[in-house]
């Protein structure tokens, strides 16, 4: 099943099964219970970005970039496995998490790449390792093409890239039922949607589901999700992938229902310096479903590049 078709069908089923919305949390980022002591706020191009900075400040820096409708909390388990040895910086992209909506609606892939580049510059991080899942993977490898001086290595986890279902440089119309879901984030729907991304949904806690819902409802994020889909495109990536010179580890869950796992071979075919690992019995977010294994493979990959 193709990416966008499976995406729309998945959310359509959720809509039919759960149509009750909850209240949007209040704004006040600093007072939000999800804003932790290690969280910080930085102004990037007029947008207040929440990010989290952990681990030894002198260690190699890893920047973790989440996927669509997610937030920096998706990295919690992986961070617990890596922060003793690396400096970890993770952020909420525009229109996500406690960053909230961008009043200027800068949500295209190119604009997000530019935003991430500016984030790295403002924090004065020299050649970090970029680790991105799904949308975050797409943004990470495209930044490696645009600004190779800003990237030392890449870890791409079920990344976006290849055109699917006829979608190329043109976005597709967002179905009304999907718009409803993204804007209202009913709890039952969030639970069903997130479980569908796991090969083993029993690994998904109720606490995690509640966090995802809270982040989806925060600060105009629902409308931002819709705006992002309205401008989302997947042009032919082959030439750009051939220009990615950074050493790259690609990780894919073999039971990924959102981005087909066979795309991994396509990435490796066109990238000159990439290797692929697939995880059996794992879905779209290995950082949540198999964090210990992923941490081990990231360490092995980074050590091999020294």
Protein backbone atom coordinates (compact mmCIF):
# COMPACT_ATOMS: atom_id res chain seq x y z
CA UNK A 1 0.00 0.00 0.00
CA UNK A 2 1.39 3.42 -0.87
CA UNK A 3 2.46 5.93 1.76
CA UNK A 4 -0.18 8.62 1.31
CA UNK A 5 -2.95 6.18 0.52
CA UNK A 6 -2.20 4.11 3.62
CA UNK A 7 -1.86 7.33 5.64
CA UNK A 8 -5.26 8.59 4.58
CA UNK A 9 -6.95 5.22 5.05
CA UNK A 10 -5.44 4.87 8.50
CA UNK A 11 -6.67 8.26 9.65
CA UNK A 12 -10.03 7.73 7.97
CA UNK A 13 -10.64 4.59 9.99
CA UNK A 14 -9.67 6.47 13.12
CA UNK A 15 -12.14 9.23 12.29
CA UNK A 16 -14.97 6.76 11.87
CA UNK A 17 -14.17 5.15 15.19
CA UNK A 18 -13.58 8.22 17.34
CA UNK A 19 -15.06 11.67 16.85
CA UNK A 20 -14.98 13.27 20.30
CA UNK A 21 -12.57 16.18 20.78
CA UNK A 22 -10.93 17.31 24.00
CA UNK A 23 -10.06 20.82 25.13
CA UNK A 24 -6.95 22.52 23.87
CA UNK A 25 -4.35 22.97 26.63
CA UNK A 26 -3.56 26.52 27.72
CA UNK A 27 -0.66 28.38 26.13
CA UNK A 28 2.08 29.30 28.75
CA UNK A 29 4.99 27.18 27.57
CA UNK A 30 7.18 27.51 30.66
CA UNK A 31 4.30 26.54 32.97
CA UNK A 32 3.33 23.56 30.83
CA UNK A 33 3.84 20.25 32.71
CA UNK A 34 5.70 18.86 29.69
CA UNK A 35 8.28 21.66 29.85
CA UNK A 36 11.11 20.11 31.89
CA UNK A 37 14.05 21.65 33.72
CA UNK A 38 16.43 20.68 30.89
CA UNK A 39 14.20 22.34 28.29
CA UNK A 40 15.08 25.70 26.77
CA UNK A 41 13.54 28.25 24.43
CA UNK A 42 15.38 29.83 21.51
CA UNK A 43 14.15 32.31 18.93
CA UNK A 44 14.66 31.00 15.39
CA UNK A 45 13.45 33.32 12.64
CA UNK A 46 10.84 34.85 14.96
CA UNK A 47 9.51 31.53 16.29
CA UNK A 48 10.05 30.45 19.90
CA UNK A 49 11.41 26.90 19.69
CA UNK A 50 11.41 24.43 22.56
CA UNK A 51 14.47 22.23 22.65
CA UNK A 52 16.12 19.89 25.15
CA UNK A 53 19.87 19.74 25.72
CA UNK A 54 21.27 16.75 27.61
CA UNK A 55 24.52 14.86 28.10
CA UNK A 56 28.16 15.99 28.27
CA UNK A 57 28.49 19.37 26.59
CA UNK A 58 31.93 18.50 25.22
CA UNK A 59 30.85 15.17 23.68
CA UNK A 60 29.89 14.59 20.05
CA UNK A 61 26.57 16.33 19.39
CA UNK A 62 23.55 14.47 18.07
CA UNK A 63 20.52 16.47 16.92
CA UNK A 64 17.29 14.44 16.96
CA UNK A 65 14.48 15.49 14.62
CA UNK A 66 11.00 14.00 15.09
CA UNK A 67 8.35 13.08 12.54
CA UNK A 68 4.97 14.51 11.50
CA UNK A 69 2.53 15.16 14.41
CA UNK A 70 5.20 14.08 16.90
CA UNK A 71 7.42 16.01 19.33
CA UNK A 72 10.76 15.71 21.07
CA UNK A 73 9.25 13.20 23.52
CA UNK A 74 9.46 10.52 20.83
CA UNK A 75 13.20 10.33 21.66
CA UNK A 76 12.86 9.78 25.42
CA UNK A 77 13.83 6.10 25.50
CA UNK A 78 16.62 6.46 22.94
CA UNK A 79 17.99 9.50 24.78
CA UNK A 80 18.14 7.53 28.02
CA UNK A 81 20.36 5.02 26.20
CA UNK A 82 22.70 7.60 24.66
CA UNK A 83 22.95 10.69 26.86
CA UNK A 84 25.75 9.30 29.01
CA UNK A 85 28.11 9.36 26.02
CA UNK A 86 26.77 12.06 23.69
CA UNK A 87 25.40 15.56 23.81
CA UNK A 88 21.80 15.19 22.69
CA UNK A 89 19.79 18.12 21.38
CA UNK A 90 16.19 17.50 20.38
CA UNK A 91 13.60 20.04 19.38
CA UNK A 92 9.96 20.57 18.52
CA UNK A 93 9.68 21.55 14.86
CA UNK A 94 7.43 24.48 13.86
CA UNK A 95 3.81 23.49 14.27
CA UNK A 96 4.68 20.66 16.67
CA UNK A 97 5.03 20.04 20.39
CA UNK A 98 5.45 23.05 22.67
CA UNK A 99 6.86 25.15 19.84
CA UNK A 100 3.35 25.53 18.47
CA UNK A 101 2.16 27.05 15.24
CA UNK A 102 4.15 29.44 13.09
CA UNK A 103 2.09 32.58 12.41
CA UNK A 104 3.88 32.87 9.06
CA UNK A 105 2.93 29.27 8.12
CA UNK A 106 6.43 28.29 7.00
CA UNK A 107 5.77 24.56 6.72
CA UNK A 108 7.14 23.40 3.39
CA UNK A 109 9.97 20.88 3.42
CA UNK A 110 12.40 23.49 2.08
CA UNK A 111 11.38 25.98 4.77
CA UNK A 112 11.79 23.32 7.46
CA UNK A 113 15.26 22.49 6.14
CA UNK A 114 16.15 26.17 6.30
CA UNK A 115 14.74 26.39 9.82
CA UNK A 116 16.84 23.44 11.01
CA UNK A 117 19.93 24.98 9.44
CA UNK A 118 19.30 28.24 11.29
CA UNK A 119 18.72 26.33 14.54
CA UNK A 120 22.16 24.72 14.21
CA UNK A 121 23.74 28.09 13.43
CA UNK A 122 22.09 29.92 16.33
CA UNK A 123 23.12 27.24 18.82
CA UNK A 124 26.64 27.35 17.30
CA UNK A 125 26.83 23.58 16.89
CA UNK A 126 29.71 22.50 14.70
CA UNK A 127 28.95 19.62 12.31
CA UNK A 128 26.49 17.62 14.40
CA UNK A 129 25.18 14.16 13.67
CA UNK A 130 21.57 14.44 12.49
CA UNK A 131 19.18 11.70 13.56
CA UNK A 132 15.74 11.99 11.98
CA UNK A 133 12.60 9.89 11.90
CA UNK A 134 10.07 10.06 9.03
CA UNK A 135 9.59 13.77 8.25
CA UNK A 136 12.62 14.44 10.44
CA UNK A 137 14.64 12.04 8.31
CA UNK A 138 13.53 13.77 5.13
CA UNK A 139 14.51 17.17 6.52
CA UNK A 140 17.84 15.83 7.81
CA UNK A 141 19.08 14.33 4.56
CA UNK A 142 17.91 17.33 2.57
CA UNK A 143 19.89 19.58 4.91
CA UNK A 144 22.93 17.39 4.23
CA UNK A 145 22.48 18.19 0.54
CA UNK A 146 21.88 21.90 1.03
CA UNK A 147 24.49 22.57 3.71
CA UNK A 148 26.96 19.68 3.92
CA UNK A 149 29.19 21.82 6.13
CA UNK A 150 26.49 21.63 8.83
CA UNK A 151 26.35 17.83 8.96
CA UNK A 152 28.97 15.24 9.90
CA UNK A 153 26.89 12.04 9.75
CA UNK A 154 23.26 10.98 9.31
CA UNK A 155 21.03 8.40 10.96
CA UNK A 156 17.78 8.17 9.01
CA UNK A 157 14.95 6.22 10.64
CA UNK A 158 12.14 5.37 8.19
CA UNK A 159 12.85 8.64 6.35
CA UNK A 160 10.63 10.31 3.80
CA UNK A 161 12.02 10.82 0.34
CA UNK A 162 10.63 8.81 -2.54
CA UNK A 163 7.49 9.80 -4.37
CA UNK A 164 4.49 7.64 -3.59
CA UNK A 165 1.00 7.29 -5.06
CA UNK A 166 1.77 9.70 -7.91
CA UNK A 167 2.67 12.56 -5.58
CA UNK A 168 5.74 14.38 -6.81
CA UNK A 169 6.28 18.13 -6.76
CA UNK A 170 2.53 18.68 -6.28
CA UNK A 171 0.78 18.29 -2.90
CA UNK A 172 -2.40 16.25 -2.55
CA UNK A 173 -5.72 17.46 -1.20
CA UNK A 174 -6.19 16.68 2.49
CA UNK A 175 -9.44 14.74 3.12
CA UNK A 176 -11.97 16.37 5.44
CA UNK A 177 -11.93 13.44 7.85
CA UNK A 178 -8.16 13.76 8.20
CA UNK A 179 -8.47 17.50 8.80
CA UNK A 180 -10.96 16.81 11.55
CA UNK A 181 -8.67 14.31 13.21
CA UNK A 182 -5.57 16.51 13.06
CA UNK A 183 -7.41 19.53 14.45
CA UNK A 184 -9.32 17.76 17.24
CA UNK A 185 -7.06 14.80 18.16
CA UNK A 186 -9.71 12.67 19.94
CA UNK A 187 -8.04 10.45 22.51
CA UNK A 188 -9.42 7.18 21.14
CA UNK A 189 -8.26 8.16 17.68
CA UNK A 190 -4.78 9.11 18.87
CA UNK A 191 -4.50 5.76 20.60
CA UNK A 192 -5.58 3.79 17.54
CA UNK A 193 -3.35 5.79 15.21
CA UNK A 194 -0.26 5.48 17.36
CA UNK A 195 -0.78 1.79 18.01
CA UNK A 196 -0.99 1.24 14.26
CA UNK A 197 2.56 2.58 13.91
CA UNK A 198 3.86 -0.08 16.30
CA UNK A 199 4.38 -3.70 15.35
CA UNK A 200 3.91 -4.47 19.06
CA UNK A 201 1.31 -1.99 20.35
CA UNK A 202 1.59 -3.42 23.85
CA UNK A 203 4.87 -1.50 24.08
CA UNK A 204 2.93 1.76 23.86
CA UNK A 205 1.93 3.12 27.27
CA UNK A 206 -1.21 5.07 28.10
CA UNK A 207 1.04 7.85 29.38
CA UNK A 208 2.73 8.11 25.99
CA UNK A 209 -0.64 8.24 24.22
CA UNK A 210 -1.77 11.06 26.50
CA UNK A 211 1.44 12.97 25.79
CA UNK A 212 0.96 12.64 22.03
CA UNK A 213 -2.60 13.90 22.28
CA UNK A 214 -1.58 16.85 24.46
CA UNK A 215 1.12 17.86 22.00
CA UNK A 216 -1.22 17.57 19.03
CA UNK A 217 -3.71 19.88 20.74
CA UNK A 218 -1.19 22.46 21.86
CA UNK A 219 -0.81 25.97 20.46
CA UNK A 220 -2.54 25.70 17.07
CA UNK A 221 -0.66 22.55 16.08
CA UNK A 222 -3.73 20.93 14.53
CA UNK A 223 -4.14 23.69 11.97
CA UNK A 224 -0.39 23.65 11.42
CA UNK A 225 -0.49 19.93 10.59
CA UNK A 226 -3.10 20.63 7.94
CA UNK A 227 -1.13 23.55 6.53
CA UNK A 228 1.96 21.36 6.35
CA UNK A 229 0.12 18.65 4.41
CA UNK A 230 -1.27 21.31 2.06
CA UNK A 231 2.27 22.11 0.92
CA UNK A 232 3.88 18.69 1.36
CA UNK A 233 5.59 17.33 -1.75
CA UNK A 234 7.87 14.44 -2.64
CA UNK A 235 9.78 15.30 -5.80
CA UNK A 236 12.12 12.75 -7.34
CA UNK A 237 14.99 12.52 -4.79
CA UNK A 238 17.50 10.45 -6.74
CA UNK A 239 19.82 13.24 -7.86
CA UNK A 240 19.78 14.89 -4.43
CA UNK A 241 20.46 11.60 -2.66
CA UNK A 242 23.48 11.07 -4.89
CA UNK A 243 24.86 14.33 -3.51
CA UNK A 244 24.67 13.24 0.14
CA UNK A 245 28.32 12.66 1.05
CA UNK A 246 27.85 12.29 4.80
CA UNK A 247 28.24 8.73 6.13
CA UNK A 248 24.68 7.52 6.64
CA UNK A 249 22.99 4.78 8.62
CA UNK A 250 19.45 3.97 7.47
CA UNK A 251 17.19 2.07 9.85
CA UNK A 252 13.78 0.68 8.93
CA UNK A 253 11.17 -1.35 10.77
CA UNK A 254 10.11 -4.21 8.52
CA UNK A 255 6.48 -3.83 9.62
CA UNK A 256 6.28 -0.11 8.88
CA UNK A 257 2.78 0.60 7.54
CA UNK A 258 3.40 4.29 6.87
CA UNK A 259 6.61 4.40 4.83
CA UNK A 260 7.24 1.03 3.12
CA UNK A 261 10.41 -0.67 4.31
CA UNK A 262 11.47 -1.47 0.74
CA UNK A 263 12.28 2.23 0.36
CA UNK A 264 15.41 1.54 2.37
CA UNK A 265 17.01 -0.26 -0.56
CA UNK A 266 16.17 2.69 -2.80
CA UNK A 267 18.00 5.07 -0.48
CA UNK A 268 21.09 2.87 -0.36
CA UNK A 269 21.06 2.46 -4.14
CA UNK A 270 21.37 6.19 -4.73
CA UNK A 271 23.38 7.34 -1.71
CA UNK A 272 27.15 6.88 -2.14
CA UNK A 273 27.99 6.33 1.53
CA UNK A 274 25.01 4.62 3.19
CA UNK A 275 24.24 1.34 4.90
CA UNK A 276 20.82 -0.15 5.70
CA UNK A 277 19.64 -2.10 8.73
CA UNK A 278 16.11 -3.45 8.97
CA UNK A 279 14.42 -4.45 12.21
CA UNK A 280 12.02 -7.41 12.13
CA UNK A 281 8.80 -7.15 14.14
CA UNK A 282 9.17 -3.35 14.33
CA UNK A 283 7.03 -0.53 12.97
CA UNK A 284 7.50 3.11 11.94
CA UNK A 285 9.17 4.42 15.11
CA UNK A 286 12.05 2.12 16.14
CA UNK A 287 13.25 4.82 18.55
CA UNK A 288 10.18 4.03 20.66
CA UNK A 289 9.67 0.34 19.89
CA UNK A 290 13.30 -0.87 19.88
CA UNK A 291 15.35 1.90 21.57
CA UNK A 292 18.05 -0.35 23.04
CA UNK A 293 18.79 -2.00 19.71
CA UNK A 294 18.75 1.34 17.91
CA UNK A 295 21.12 2.88 20.47
CA UNK A 296 23.51 -0.05 20.00
CA UNK A 297 23.45 0.34 16.21
CA UNK A 298 23.95 4.11 16.41
CA UNK A 299 26.97 3.65 18.67
CA UNK A 300 28.44 1.02 16.37
CA UNK A 301 27.91 3.23 13.34
CA UNK A 302 29.44 6.33 14.93
CA UNK A 303 32.43 4.42 16.29
CA UNK A 304 33.11 2.97 12.83
CA UNK A 305 33.38 6.52 11.43
CA UNK A 306 36.05 7.65 13.88
